[in-house]
Amino acid sequence: MVPKFLDSDAEKIRFGPHKKTSLFTHRHIIKGSSRLLPFVSLNEHLCMQVTKRVMPAALTEVSADGQALIVHRFDVDENGARFWGMEDFCALLGLRPAAKYDTTWERIAKAVRDHVRVAKRADVFRQMATLLLLTYALRNADCHAKNVALRYSSQNDVHSAPAYDMITTAVYPDYAKNPPGISFMGP
């Protein structure tokens, strides 16, 4: 779990050392690094640079010291007005946020069949396959159902959201040997 920027005391108690609060603006999400995950902001920025070479990905910027990340929101227009609807697979699969690791790529594929029109499915499956391969290549053990989403303007226009929240967990000793967050071929 990547710590996000700005936390309240209630969040500290609820989430422990991995605070999950965020600073959301109309156009950006701002995340910070922590002692437990040093330079995770730089880590995510670099992984997102790799990701956008092979598939659509959220635009990111990193602070000069590598400790803060700015993610440009892809669900809003240039004025910050909501332009797209977005549903992550945790919601689409009816999972509670705490159960975001309790799924498989097969269940996600079935949800794609349920929500994406036939004409767009091949593109969505291609993007999901690319994301799956990147998750293994980058050794991203933190990819979970809240980090994979569909974006839509109507029921007839549902497609993959750009990739986001891509990191390598291999550089952090406590997470280096963790398996991918979403299993392939079931548990």
N, C-alpha and C. Protein backbone atom coordinates (compact mmCIF):
# COMPACT_ATOMS: atom_id res chain seq x y z
N MET A 1 0.84 -1.17 0.00
CA MET A 1 0.00 0.00 0.00
C MET A 1 0.88 1.23 0.00
N VAL A 2 0.63 2.12 -0.92
CA VAL A 2 1.41 3.33 -1.03
C VAL A 2 0.79 4.39 -0.13
N PRO A 3 1.57 4.99 0.78
CA PRO A 3 1.01 6.05 1.62
C PRO A 3 0.67 7.25 0.76
N LYS A 4 -0.43 7.89 1.05
CA LYS A 4 -0.83 9.06 0.29
C LYS A 4 -0.73 10.29 1.16
N PHE A 5 -0.80 11.43 0.56
CA PHE A 5 -0.51 12.70 1.18
C PHE A 5 -1.64 13.17 2.08
N LEU A 6 -1.31 13.88 3.13
CA LEU A 6 -2.23 14.48 4.09
C LEU A 6 -3.02 13.43 4.84
N ASP A 7 -2.77 13.33 6.10
CA ASP A 7 -3.49 12.35 6.89
C ASP A 7 -4.05 13.02 8.13
N SER A 8 -5.11 12.44 8.65
CA SER A 8 -5.71 12.92 9.90
C SER A 8 -5.45 11.88 10.96
N ASP A 9 -5.64 12.24 12.21
CA ASP A 9 -5.42 11.29 13.30
C ASP A 9 -6.30 10.06 13.15
N ALA A 10 -7.54 10.23 12.72
CA ALA A 10 -8.43 9.08 12.54
C ALA A 10 -7.86 8.13 11.50
N GLU A 11 -7.30 8.68 10.43
CA GLU A 11 -6.71 7.83 9.38
C GLU A 11 -5.50 7.09 9.94
N LYS A 12 -4.69 7.74 10.77
CA LYS A 12 -3.50 7.09 11.33
C LYS A 12 -3.89 5.88 12.16
N ILE A 13 -4.93 6.03 12.95
CA ILE A 13 -5.38 4.92 13.80
C ILE A 13 -5.95 3.81 12.93
N ARG A 14 -6.75 4.17 11.97
CA ARG A 14 -7.44 3.18 11.14
C ARG A 14 -6.47 2.41 10.25
N PHE A 15 -5.50 3.09 9.67
CA PHE A 15 -4.64 2.45 8.68
C PHE A 15 -3.24 2.13 9.17
N GLY A 16 -2.91 2.50 10.37
CA GLY A 16 -1.58 2.19 10.89
C GLY A 16 -0.49 2.88 10.10
N PRO A 17 0.64 2.21 9.87
CA PRO A 17 1.77 2.87 9.24
C PRO A 17 1.57 3.16 7.75
N HIS A 18 0.59 2.54 7.12
CA HIS A 18 0.33 2.77 5.69
C HIS A 18 -0.94 3.59 5.55
N LYS A 19 -0.82 4.87 5.79
CA LYS A 19 -1.99 5.74 5.71
C LYS A 19 -2.49 5.79 4.27
N LYS A 20 -3.80 5.77 4.09
CA LYS A 20 -4.37 5.76 2.75
C LYS A 20 -5.22 7.00 2.48
N THR A 21 -4.85 8.13 3.04
CA THR A 21 -5.56 9.35 2.72
C THR A 21 -4.86 10.00 1.54
N SER A 22 -5.58 10.83 0.84
CA SER A 22 -5.04 11.46 -0.35
C SER A 22 -5.42 12.92 -0.37
N LEU A 23 -4.62 13.69 -1.04
CA LEU A 23 -4.99 15.06 -1.34
C LEU A 23 -5.51 15.03 -2.77
N PHE A 24 -6.81 15.18 -2.91
CA PHE A 24 -7.43 15.21 -4.23
C PHE A 24 -7.71 16.66 -4.57
N THR A 25 -7.30 17.10 -5.73
CA THR A 25 -7.72 18.40 -6.23
C THR A 25 -8.61 18.11 -7.43
N HIS A 26 -9.08 19.16 -8.05
CA HIS A 26 -9.93 18.96 -9.23
C HIS A 26 -9.19 18.25 -10.35
N ARG A 27 -7.86 18.39 -10.38
CA ARG A 27 -7.10 17.86 -11.51
C ARG A 27 -6.02 16.85 -11.12
N HIS A 28 -5.70 16.72 -9.83
CA HIS A 28 -4.56 15.90 -9.43
C HIS A 28 -4.83 15.10 -8.16
N ILE A 29 -4.04 14.06 -7.99
CA ILE A 29 -3.96 13.32 -6.73
C ILE A 29 -2.50 13.43 -6.30
N ILE A 30 -2.27 13.82 -5.06
CA ILE A 30 -0.90 14.01 -4.58
C ILE A 30 -0.60 12.97 -3.52
N LYS A 31 0.49 12.24 -3.72
CA LYS A 31 0.91 11.18 -2.80
C LYS A 31 2.30 11.48 -2.28
N GLY A 32 2.62 10.96 -1.10
CA GLY A 32 3.94 11.15 -0.53
C GLY A 32 4.61 9.82 -0.21
N SER A 33 5.90 9.88 0.04
CA SER A 33 6.67 8.71 0.46
C SER A 33 6.64 8.61 1.98
N SER A 34 7.23 7.57 2.54
CA SER A 34 7.27 7.40 3.99
C SER A 34 8.58 6.74 4.39
N ARG A 35 8.82 6.67 5.69
CA ARG A 35 10.02 5.97 6.17
C ARG A 35 9.97 4.50 5.82
N LEU A 36 8.78 3.90 5.86
CA LEU A 36 8.65 2.48 5.56
C LEU A 36 8.84 2.17 4.07
N LEU A 37 8.48 3.13 3.23
CA LEU A 37 8.61 2.96 1.78
C LEU A 37 9.33 4.18 1.20
N PRO A 38 10.63 4.30 1.46
CA PRO A 38 11.36 5.47 0.98
C PRO A 38 11.35 5.56 -0.55
N PHE A 39 11.18 6.76 -1.02
CA PHE A 39 11.19 7.06 -2.45
C PHE A 39 10.11 6.31 -3.23
N VAL A 40 9.02 5.92 -2.57
CA VAL A 40 7.95 5.22 -3.28
C VAL A 40 7.32 6.14 -4.34
N SER A 41 7.36 7.44 -4.12
CA SER A 41 6.84 8.37 -5.12
C SER A 41 7.69 8.33 -6.39
N LEU A 42 9.00 8.35 -6.23
CA LEU A 42 9.90 8.23 -7.38
C LEU A 42 9.73 6.85 -8.02
N ASN A 43 9.62 5.82 -7.21
CA ASN A 43 9.39 4.46 -7.69
C ASN A 43 8.16 4.42 -8.59
N GLU A 44 7.04 4.96 -8.11
CA GLU A 44 5.81 4.93 -8.90
C GLU A 44 5.96 5.74 -10.18
N HIS A 45 6.59 6.90 -10.08
CA HIS A 45 6.78 7.73 -11.28
C HIS A 45 7.58 6.97 -12.34
N LEU A 46 8.68 6.34 -11.94
CA LEU A 46 9.50 5.60 -12.90
C LEU A 46 8.75 4.41 -13.48
N CYS A 47 8.00 3.70 -12.65
CA CYS A 47 7.21 2.56 -13.15
C CYS A 47 6.11 3.04 -14.10
N MET A 48 5.55 4.20 -13.82
CA MET A 48 4.53 4.75 -14.73
C MET A 48 5.16 5.17 -16.06
N GLN A 49 6.42 5.60 -16.05
CA GLN A 49 7.10 5.93 -17.30
C GLN A 49 7.27 4.67 -18.15
N VAL A 50 7.62 3.56 -17.53
CA VAL A 50 7.72 2.28 -18.24
C VAL A 50 6.34 1.89 -18.76
N THR A 51 5.35 1.99 -17.91
CA THR A 51 3.99 1.57 -18.27
C THR A 51 3.48 2.33 -19.48
N LYS A 52 3.67 3.64 -19.50
CA LYS A 52 3.09 4.41 -20.61
C LYS A 52 3.80 4.15 -21.95
N ARG A 53 4.93 3.46 -21.92
CA ARG A 53 5.58 3.05 -23.17
C ARG A 53 4.82 1.92 -23.87
N VAL A 54 4.02 1.17 -23.10
CA VAL A 54 3.35 0.00 -23.69
C VAL A 54 1.83 0.05 -23.61
N MET A 55 1.27 1.00 -22.86
CA MET A 55 -0.19 1.09 -22.76
C MET A 55 -0.57 2.47 -22.23
N PRO A 56 -1.83 2.86 -22.40
CA PRO A 56 -2.27 4.13 -21.83
C PRO A 56 -2.07 4.12 -20.31
N ALA A 57 -1.55 5.23 -19.79
CA ALA A 57 -1.26 5.32 -18.35
C ALA A 57 -1.47 6.75 -17.88
N ALA A 58 -1.79 6.88 -16.61
CA ALA A 58 -1.94 8.20 -16.00
C ALA A 58 -0.62 8.97 -16.10
N LEU A 59 -0.72 10.25 -16.34
CA LEU A 59 0.45 11.12 -16.38
C LEU A 59 0.88 11.42 -14.94
N THR A 60 2.16 11.29 -14.66
CA THR A 60 2.68 11.57 -13.32
C THR A 60 3.85 12.54 -13.39
N GLU A 61 4.05 13.25 -12.29
CA GLU A 61 5.22 14.10 -12.10
C GLU A 61 5.74 13.82 -10.70
N VAL A 62 7.03 13.95 -10.51
CA VAL A 62 7.62 13.70 -9.19
C VAL A 62 8.38 14.94 -8.74
N SER A 63 8.39 15.17 -7.43
CA SER A 63 9.12 16.30 -6.87
C SER A 63 10.62 16.11 -7.07
N ALA A 64 11.37 17.18 -6.98
CA ALA A 64 12.82 17.13 -7.18
C ALA A 64 13.50 16.19 -6.19
N ASP A 65 12.95 16.07 -4.98
CA ASP A 65 13.57 15.18 -3.98
C ASP A 65 13.04 13.75 -4.05
N GLY A 66 12.12 13.47 -4.98
CA GLY A 66 11.60 12.11 -5.16
C GLY A 66 10.63 11.66 -4.10
N GLN A 67 10.17 12.57 -3.24
CA GLN A 67 9.33 12.18 -2.11
C GLN A 67 7.83 12.46 -2.31
N ALA A 68 7.46 13.21 -3.35
CA ALA A 68 6.05 13.50 -3.60
C ALA A 68 5.73 13.23 -5.07
N LEU A 69 4.55 12.69 -5.30
CA LEU A 69 4.11 12.34 -6.64
C LEU A 69 2.82 13.08 -6.94
N ILE A 70 2.75 13.65 -8.12
CA ILE A 70 1.51 14.26 -8.60
C ILE A 70 1.00 13.38 -9.72
N VAL A 71 -0.22 12.88 -9.56
CA VAL A 71 -0.88 12.07 -10.58
C VAL A 71 -1.96 12.93 -11.21
N HIS A 72 -1.89 13.12 -12.52
CA HIS A 72 -2.91 13.88 -13.23
C HIS A 72 -4.13 12.98 -13.39
N ARG A 73 -5.27 13.46 -12.94
CA ARG A 73 -6.49 12.66 -13.03
C ARG A 73 -6.91 12.51 -14.49
N PHE A 74 -7.34 11.31 -14.85
CA PHE A 74 -7.76 11.04 -16.22
C PHE A 74 -9.28 10.92 -16.34
N ASP A 75 -9.99 11.22 -15.26
CA ASP A 75 -11.45 11.15 -15.30
C ASP A 75 -12.08 12.54 -15.38
N VAL A 76 -11.26 13.56 -15.54
CA VAL A 76 -11.75 14.94 -15.60
C VAL A 76 -11.20 15.64 -16.83
N ASP A 77 -11.87 16.73 -17.22
CA ASP A 77 -11.37 17.51 -18.35
C ASP A 77 -10.34 18.53 -17.86
N GLU A 78 -9.88 19.39 -18.76
CA GLU A 78 -8.81 20.33 -18.40
C GLU A 78 -9.21 21.35 -17.34
N ASN A 79 -10.52 21.51 -17.11
CA ASN A 79 -11.00 22.42 -16.07
C ASN A 79 -11.31 21.69 -14.76
N GLY A 80 -11.11 20.40 -14.74
CA GLY A 80 -11.37 19.62 -13.53
C GLY A 80 -12.80 19.12 -13.42
N ALA A 81 -13.60 19.32 -14.47
CA ALA A 81 -14.98 18.82 -14.46
C ALA A 81 -14.98 17.34 -14.82
N ARG A 82 -15.77 16.57 -14.11
CA ARG A 82 -15.83 15.12 -14.35
C ARG A 82 -16.27 14.88 -15.79
N PHE A 83 -15.45 14.12 -16.50
CA PHE A 83 -15.69 13.84 -17.92
C PHE A 83 -16.02 12.37 -18.13
N TRP A 84 -15.45 11.50 -17.30
CA TRP A 84 -15.64 10.06 -17.41
C TRP A 84 -16.16 9.52 -16.09
N GLY A 85 -16.95 8.49 -16.16
CA GLY A 85 -17.24 7.69 -14.98
C GLY A 85 -16.16 6.63 -14.87
N MET A 86 -15.93 6.14 -13.68
CA MET A 86 -14.90 5.12 -13.50
C MET A 86 -15.33 4.18 -12.39
N GLU A 87 -15.16 2.88 -12.64
CA GLU A 87 -15.45 1.85 -11.63
C GLU A 87 -14.27 0.91 -11.55
N ASP A 88 -13.71 0.75 -10.36
CA ASP A 88 -12.63 -0.22 -10.21
C ASP A 88 -13.25 -1.61 -10.06
N PHE A 89 -12.41 -2.63 -10.22
CA PHE A 89 -12.92 -4.00 -10.18
C PHE A 89 -13.29 -4.46 -8.78
N CYS A 90 -12.84 -3.79 -7.77
CA CYS A 90 -13.30 -4.10 -6.42
C CYS A 90 -14.81 -3.82 -6.37
N ALA A 91 -15.23 -2.67 -6.86
CA ALA A 91 -16.65 -2.32 -6.89
C ALA A 91 -17.41 -3.21 -7.87
N LEU A 92 -16.86 -3.42 -9.07
CA LEU A 92 -17.55 -4.22 -10.08
C LEU A 92 -17.76 -5.66 -9.65
N LEU A 93 -16.87 -6.17 -8.82
CA LEU A 93 -16.99 -7.55 -8.33
C LEU A 93 -17.75 -7.64 -7.01
N GLY A 94 -18.20 -6.50 -6.50
CA GLY A 94 -18.95 -6.49 -5.25
C GLY A 94 -18.10 -6.77 -4.03
N LEU A 95 -16.81 -6.46 -4.11
CA LEU A 95 -15.90 -6.69 -2.98
C LEU A 95 -15.81 -5.44 -2.10
N ARG A 96 -15.69 -5.64 -0.82
CA ARG A 96 -15.39 -4.54 0.09
C ARG A 96 -13.95 -4.08 -0.19
N PRO A 97 -13.65 -2.81 0.02
CA PRO A 97 -12.27 -2.35 -0.20
C PRO A 97 -11.22 -3.18 0.54
N ALA A 98 -11.55 -3.66 1.73
CA ALA A 98 -10.60 -4.49 2.49
C ALA A 98 -10.32 -5.82 1.82
N ALA A 99 -11.19 -6.23 0.89
CA ALA A 99 -11.03 -7.51 0.19
C ALA A 99 -10.44 -7.32 -1.21
N LYS A 100 -9.76 -6.22 -1.43
CA LYS A 100 -9.26 -5.88 -2.77
C LYS A 100 -8.26 -6.89 -3.34
N TYR A 101 -7.64 -7.70 -2.51
CA TYR A 101 -6.71 -8.74 -2.98
C TYR A 101 -7.41 -10.09 -3.17
N ASP A 102 -8.68 -10.17 -2.83
CA ASP A 102 -9.40 -11.45 -2.83
C ASP A 102 -10.10 -11.73 -4.16
N THR A 103 -9.36 -11.64 -5.24
CA THR A 103 -9.92 -11.95 -6.55
C THR A 103 -8.83 -12.53 -7.44
N THR A 104 -9.20 -12.84 -8.66
CA THR A 104 -8.26 -13.38 -9.65
C THR A 104 -8.44 -12.63 -10.96
N TRP A 105 -7.47 -12.77 -11.84
CA TRP A 105 -7.60 -12.17 -13.17
C TRP A 105 -8.76 -12.80 -13.93
N GLU A 106 -9.06 -14.06 -13.65
CA GLU A 106 -10.20 -14.72 -14.32
C GLU A 106 -11.52 -14.06 -13.92
N ARG A 107 -11.69 -13.74 -12.65
CA ARG A 107 -12.90 -13.05 -12.21
C ARG A 107 -13.00 -11.67 -12.83
N ILE A 108 -11.86 -11.00 -12.95
CA ILE A 108 -11.84 -9.69 -13.61
C ILE A 108 -12.25 -9.84 -15.07
N ALA A 109 -11.73 -10.86 -15.76
CA ALA A 109 -12.09 -11.10 -17.16
C ALA A 109 -13.60 -11.36 -17.31
N LYS A 110 -14.17 -12.11 -16.38
CA LYS A 110 -15.62 -12.36 -16.43
C LYS A 110 -16.40 -11.07 -16.23
N ALA A 111 -15.92 -10.20 -15.36
CA ALA A 111 -16.58 -8.90 -15.16
C ALA A 111 -16.47 -8.04 -16.41
N VAL A 112 -15.35 -8.12 -17.12
CA VAL A 112 -15.22 -7.40 -18.39
C VAL A 112 -16.31 -7.88 -19.35
N ARG A 113 -16.49 -9.18 -19.45
CA ARG A 113 -17.54 -9.71 -20.33
C ARG A 113 -18.92 -9.20 -19.93
N ASP A 114 -19.15 -9.02 -18.64
CA ASP A 114 -20.44 -8.55 -18.17
C ASP A 114 -20.68 -7.07 -18.42
N HIS A 115 -19.62 -6.27 -18.51
CA HIS A 115 -19.79 -4.81 -18.54
C HIS A 115 -19.33 -4.13 -19.83
N VAL A 116 -18.59 -4.83 -20.67
CA VAL A 116 -18.04 -4.20 -21.87
C VAL A 116 -18.70 -4.81 -23.10
N ARG A 117 -19.16 -3.95 -24.00
CA ARG A 117 -19.79 -4.41 -25.24
C ARG A 117 -18.79 -5.23 -26.07
N VAL A 118 -19.32 -6.16 -26.84
CA VAL A 118 -18.50 -7.08 -27.64
C VAL A 118 -17.50 -6.33 -28.51
N ALA A 119 -17.92 -5.23 -29.12
CA ALA A 119 -17.05 -4.49 -30.04
C ALA A 119 -15.79 -3.94 -29.36
N LYS A 120 -15.83 -3.72 -28.05
CA LYS A 120 -14.67 -3.15 -27.35
C LYS A 120 -13.93 -4.16 -26.49
N ARG A 121 -14.45 -5.36 -26.37
CA ARG A 121 -13.85 -6.35 -25.47
C ARG A 121 -12.42 -6.71 -25.82
N ALA A 122 -12.13 -6.91 -27.10
CA ALA A 122 -10.77 -7.30 -27.49
C ALA A 122 -9.76 -6.26 -27.03
N ASP A 123 -10.09 -4.97 -27.19
CA ASP A 123 -9.19 -3.91 -26.74
C ASP A 123 -9.02 -3.94 -25.22
N VAL A 124 -10.12 -4.15 -24.50
CA VAL A 124 -10.04 -4.20 -23.04
C VAL A 124 -9.22 -5.40 -22.60
N PHE A 125 -9.47 -6.57 -23.20
CA PHE A 125 -8.69 -7.75 -22.83
C PHE A 125 -7.21 -7.57 -23.17
N ARG A 126 -6.91 -6.92 -24.28
CA ARG A 126 -5.51 -6.66 -24.65
C ARG A 126 -4.84 -5.77 -23.59
N GLN A 127 -5.55 -4.74 -23.16
CA GLN A 127 -4.99 -3.85 -22.15
C GLN A 127 -4.85 -4.57 -20.81
N MET A 128 -5.81 -5.41 -20.46
CA MET A 128 -5.71 -6.18 -19.20
C MET A 128 -4.53 -7.16 -19.26
N ALA A 129 -4.32 -7.79 -20.41
CA ALA A 129 -3.20 -8.72 -20.56
C ALA A 129 -1.87 -7.97 -20.43
N THR A 130 -1.80 -6.78 -21.03
CA THR A 130 -0.59 -5.97 -20.91
C THR A 130 -0.35 -5.58 -19.46
N LEU A 131 -1.41 -5.19 -18.76
CA LEU A 131 -1.29 -4.84 -17.35
C LEU A 131 -0.83 -6.03 -16.51
N LEU A 132 -1.39 -7.19 -16.79
CA LEU A 132 -0.98 -8.41 -16.08
C LEU A 132 0.51 -8.68 -16.29
N LEU A 133 0.97 -8.61 -17.54
CA LEU A 133 2.39 -8.85 -17.83
C LEU A 133 3.28 -7.80 -17.17
N LEU A 134 2.85 -6.54 -17.19
CA LEU A 134 3.63 -5.49 -16.53
C LEU A 134 3.71 -5.71 -15.03
N THR A 135 2.63 -6.17 -14.45
CA THR A 135 2.61 -6.45 -13.01
C THR A 135 3.70 -7.45 -12.66
N TYR A 136 3.85 -8.48 -13.48
CA TYR A 136 4.91 -9.47 -13.25
C TYR A 136 6.29 -8.89 -13.58
N ALA A 137 6.40 -8.19 -14.70
CA ALA A 137 7.70 -7.65 -15.12
C ALA A 137 8.24 -6.63 -14.12
N LEU A 138 7.36 -5.78 -13.60
CA LEU A 138 7.78 -4.76 -12.64
C LEU A 138 7.84 -5.28 -11.21
N ARG A 139 7.35 -6.50 -11.02
CA ARG A 139 7.28 -7.11 -9.68
C ARG A 139 6.44 -6.23 -8.75
N ASN A 140 5.23 -5.94 -9.23
CA ASN A 140 4.29 -5.10 -8.50
C ASN A 140 3.35 -5.98 -7.68
N ALA A 141 3.74 -6.28 -6.46
CA ALA A 141 2.90 -7.12 -5.59
C ALA A 141 1.73 -6.33 -5.01
N ASP A 142 1.64 -5.04 -5.31
CA ASP A 142 0.54 -4.23 -4.78
C ASP A 142 -0.55 -3.98 -5.81
N CYS A 143 -0.54 -4.67 -6.93
CA CYS A 143 -1.64 -4.54 -7.89
C CYS A 143 -2.83 -5.32 -7.33
N HIS A 144 -3.94 -4.65 -7.16
CA HIS A 144 -5.14 -5.27 -6.59
C HIS A 144 -6.37 -4.74 -7.33
N ALA A 145 -7.54 -5.21 -6.95
CA ALA A 145 -8.77 -4.90 -7.68
C ALA A 145 -9.14 -3.42 -7.66
N LYS A 146 -8.61 -2.64 -6.74
CA LYS A 146 -8.86 -1.20 -6.75
C LYS A 146 -7.91 -0.47 -7.69
N ASN A 147 -6.88 -1.16 -8.18
CA ASN A 147 -5.91 -0.54 -9.09
C ASN A 147 -6.14 -0.92 -10.55
N VAL A 148 -7.27 -1.53 -10.84
CA VAL A 148 -7.64 -1.90 -12.21
C VAL A 148 -9.08 -1.45 -12.38
N ALA A 149 -9.36 -0.70 -13.46
CA ALA A 149 -10.69 -0.10 -13.56
C ALA A 149 -11.18 -0.01 -15.00
N LEU A 150 -12.49 0.19 -15.11
CA LEU A 150 -13.12 0.52 -16.38
C LEU A 150 -13.53 1.98 -16.32
N ARG A 151 -13.46 2.63 -17.47
CA ARG A 151 -13.86 4.03 -17.59
C ARG A 151 -14.99 4.08 -18.61
N TYR A 152 -15.93 5.00 -18.43
CA TYR A 152 -17.09 5.03 -19.32
C TYR A 152 -17.67 6.42 -19.44
N SER A 153 -18.33 6.66 -20.58
CA SER A 153 -19.12 7.88 -20.75
C SER A 153 -20.60 7.52 -20.81
N SER A 154 -20.89 6.24 -21.14
CA SER A 154 -22.26 5.72 -21.15
C SER A 154 -22.16 4.20 -21.10
N GLN A 155 -23.30 3.52 -21.01
CA GLN A 155 -23.28 2.05 -21.01
C GLN A 155 -22.74 1.50 -22.31
N ASN A 156 -22.86 2.26 -23.38
CA ASN A 156 -22.36 1.82 -24.68
C ASN A 156 -20.90 2.17 -24.91
N ASP A 157 -20.30 2.92 -24.01
CA ASP A 157 -18.92 3.37 -24.17
C ASP A 157 -18.12 3.03 -22.91
N VAL A 158 -17.88 1.75 -22.70
CA VAL A 158 -17.11 1.27 -21.55
C VAL A 158 -15.80 0.69 -22.07
N HIS A 159 -14.71 1.12 -21.48
CA HIS A 159 -13.39 0.63 -21.89
C HIS A 159 -12.44 0.67 -20.70
N SER A 160 -11.23 0.19 -20.88
CA SER A 160 -10.24 0.17 -19.79
C SER A 160 -9.84 1.59 -19.41
N ALA A 161 -9.71 1.81 -18.13
CA ALA A 161 -9.11 3.06 -17.66
C ALA A 161 -7.61 2.97 -17.90
N PRO A 162 -6.94 4.09 -18.07
CA PRO A 162 -5.48 4.04 -18.16
C PRO A 162 -4.89 3.39 -16.91
N ALA A 163 -3.73 2.80 -17.05
CA ALA A 163 -3.06 2.18 -15.90
C ALA A 163 -2.69 3.26 -14.88
N TYR A 164 -2.72 2.87 -13.62
CA TYR A 164 -2.33 3.78 -12.54
C TYR A 164 -1.82 2.95 -11.37
N ASP A 165 -1.16 3.60 -10.43
CA ASP A 165 -0.63 2.95 -9.22
C ASP A 165 0.30 1.77 -9.52
N MET A 166 1.19 1.95 -10.48
CA MET A 166 2.17 0.90 -10.80
C MET A 166 3.46 1.20 -10.05
N ILE A 167 3.91 0.23 -9.26
CA ILE A 167 5.18 0.36 -8.54
C ILE A 167 5.91 -0.99 -8.61
N THR A 168 7.17 -0.98 -8.23
CA THR A 168 7.85 -2.25 -7.98
C THR A 168 8.00 -2.39 -6.47
N THR A 169 7.50 -3.47 -5.95
CA THR A 169 7.64 -3.73 -4.51
C THR A 169 8.94 -4.48 -4.21
N ALA A 170 9.64 -4.91 -5.25
CA ALA A 170 10.85 -5.72 -5.08
C ALA A 170 11.97 -4.96 -4.38
N VAL A 171 11.92 -3.64 -4.39
CA VAL A 171 13.00 -2.85 -3.79
C VAL A 171 12.82 -2.65 -2.29
N TYR A 172 11.70 -3.10 -1.74
CA TYR A 172 11.44 -2.95 -0.31
C TYR A 172 11.54 -4.32 0.35
N PRO A 173 12.51 -4.50 1.24
CA PRO A 173 12.77 -5.83 1.83
C PRO A 173 11.53 -6.51 2.41
N ASP A 174 10.64 -5.76 3.04
CA ASP A 174 9.44 -6.37 3.63
C ASP A 174 8.47 -6.91 2.59
N TYR A 175 8.60 -6.46 1.34
CA TYR A 175 7.65 -6.84 0.29
C TYR A 175 8.32 -7.54 -0.88
N ALA A 176 9.63 -7.66 -0.87
CA ALA A 176 10.40 -8.15 -2.01
C ALA A 176 9.99 -9.54 -2.48
N LYS A 177 9.56 -10.38 -1.57
CA LYS A 177 9.22 -11.76 -1.95
C LYS A 177 7.71 -11.99 -2.05
N ASN A 178 6.93 -10.92 -1.94
CA ASN A 178 5.48 -11.07 -2.03
C ASN A 178 5.07 -11.47 -3.45
N PRO A 179 4.09 -12.35 -3.57
CA PRO A 179 3.57 -12.71 -4.89
C PRO A 179 2.70 -11.58 -5.43
N PRO A 180 2.34 -11.61 -6.70
CA PRO A 180 1.44 -10.59 -7.24
C PRO A 180 0.15 -10.51 -6.42
N GLY A 181 -0.39 -9.30 -6.31
CA GLY A 181 -1.58 -9.08 -5.51
C GLY A 181 -2.82 -9.77 -6.06
N ILE A 182 -2.92 -9.89 -7.37
CA ILE A 182 -4.04 -10.58 -8.01
C ILE A 182 -3.49 -11.87 -8.59
N SER A 183 -4.05 -12.99 -8.18
CA SER A 183 -3.52 -14.26 -8.67
C SER A 183 -4.01 -14.55 -10.08
N PHE A 184 -3.24 -15.37 -10.76
CA PHE A 184 -3.56 -15.82 -12.11
C PHE A 184 -3.83 -17.32 -12.02
N MET A 185 -4.88 -17.78 -12.64
CA MET A 185 -5.28 -19.19 -12.60
C MET A 185 -5.81 -19.58 -11.23
N GLY A 186 -6.41 -18.62 -10.51
CA GLY A 186 -7.03 -18.91 -9.23
C GLY A 186 -6.03 -19.04 -8.10
N PRO A 187 -6.53 -19.12 -6.86
CA PRO A 187 -5.63 -19.19 -5.70
C PRO A 187 -4.90 -20.52 -5.61
